[in-house]
Amino acid sequence: MNTHFSPLSGHVDAPENYHTLTWTLEPEDGMTRLTLAQDNNASPGGAAHSKGIRDRHLASVKEMSERS
């Protein structure tokens, strides 16, 4: 778990404007599932934007980890 502040949000750099990112690794069918969750999103649109970025990052991590 870690916290993150994005200056692109337009908000001031204050604790109430930070997101908490939670990374979870779980065994699943002989493999490992990586899940990333983020809280304290300012709006549904902001949450969707962050999810899109996370999904792309996780897809890249998956691709790199599966290379022989």
Protein backbone atom coordinates (compact mmCIF):
# COMPACT_ATOMS: atom_id res chain seq x y z
CA MET A 1 0.00 0.00 0.00
CA ASN A 2 1.26 3.48 -0.75
CA THR A 3 -0.10 6.98 -1.21
CA HIS A 4 0.02 9.05 -4.35
CA PHE A 5 -0.62 12.69 -5.22
CA SER A 6 -1.10 13.79 -8.81
CA PRO A 7 -0.34 17.46 -9.49
CA LEU A 8 -2.36 17.04 -12.71
CA SER A 9 -5.50 16.91 -10.54
CA GLY A 10 -5.37 20.68 -10.04
CA HIS A 11 -5.73 20.22 -6.28
CA VAL A 12 -3.29 21.45 -3.66
CA ASP A 13 -0.67 19.02 -2.39
CA ALA A 14 -2.39 18.18 0.90
CA PRO A 15 -3.06 14.83 2.62
CA GLU A 16 -6.79 14.94 1.84
CA ASN A 17 -5.98 15.03 -1.90
CA TYR A 18 -3.81 11.90 -1.90
CA HIS A 19 -4.96 8.53 -3.21
CA THR A 20 -4.23 5.30 -1.39
CA LEU A 21 -3.01 2.62 -3.82
CA THR A 22 -3.30 -0.97 -2.66
CA TRP A 23 -1.39 -3.69 -4.51
CA THR A 24 -2.54 -7.25 -3.83
CA LEU A 25 -0.84 -10.48 -4.96
CA GLU A 26 -2.94 -13.65 -4.67
CA PRO A 27 -2.38 -17.24 -5.84
CA GLU A 28 -4.88 -18.36 -8.46
CA ASP A 29 -4.86 -21.67 -10.34
CA GLY A 30 -1.09 -22.09 -10.08
CA MET A 31 -0.46 -18.49 -11.13
CA THR A 32 -0.44 -15.13 -9.37
CA ARG A 33 -3.14 -12.47 -9.65
CA LEU A 34 -2.03 -8.85 -9.23
CA THR A 35 -4.79 -6.40 -8.32
CA LEU A 36 -4.44 -2.65 -7.87
CA ALA A 37 -7.12 -0.57 -6.14
CA GLN A 38 -7.20 3.20 -5.64
CA ASP A 39 -9.42 5.20 -3.30
CA ASN A 40 -10.22 8.89 -2.76
CA ASN A 41 -11.03 9.65 -6.39
CA ALA A 42 -12.45 13.14 -6.86
CA SER A 43 -15.14 12.05 -9.34
CA PRO A 44 -16.40 9.05 -11.31
CA GLY A 45 -14.62 10.47 -14.37
CA GLY A 46 -11.37 10.73 -12.45
CA ALA A 47 -11.78 7.17 -11.19
CA ALA A 48 -12.37 5.92 -14.75
CA HIS A 49 -9.30 7.80 -16.00
CA SER A 50 -7.13 6.30 -13.25
CA LYS A 51 -8.52 2.83 -13.92
CA GLY A 52 -7.60 3.14 -17.61
CA ILE A 53 -4.02 4.06 -16.71
CA ARG A 54 -3.80 1.21 -14.16
CA ASP A 55 -5.20 -1.30 -16.64
CA ARG A 56 -2.54 -0.33 -19.22
CA HIS A 57 0.24 -0.55 -16.61
CA LEU A 58 -0.95 -3.92 -15.35
CA ALA A 59 -1.18 -5.25 -18.92
CA SER A 60 2.45 -4.18 -19.46
CA VAL A 61 3.55 -5.87 -16.22
CA LYS A 62 1.70 -9.04 -17.26
CA GLU A 63 3.31 -9.02 -20.71
CA MET A 64 6.82 -8.52 -19.30
CA SER A 65 6.37 -11.19 -16.62
CA GLU A 66 5.22 -13.78 -19.17
CA ARG A 67 8.20 -13.38 -21.51
CA SER A 68 10.41 -16.42 -21.73
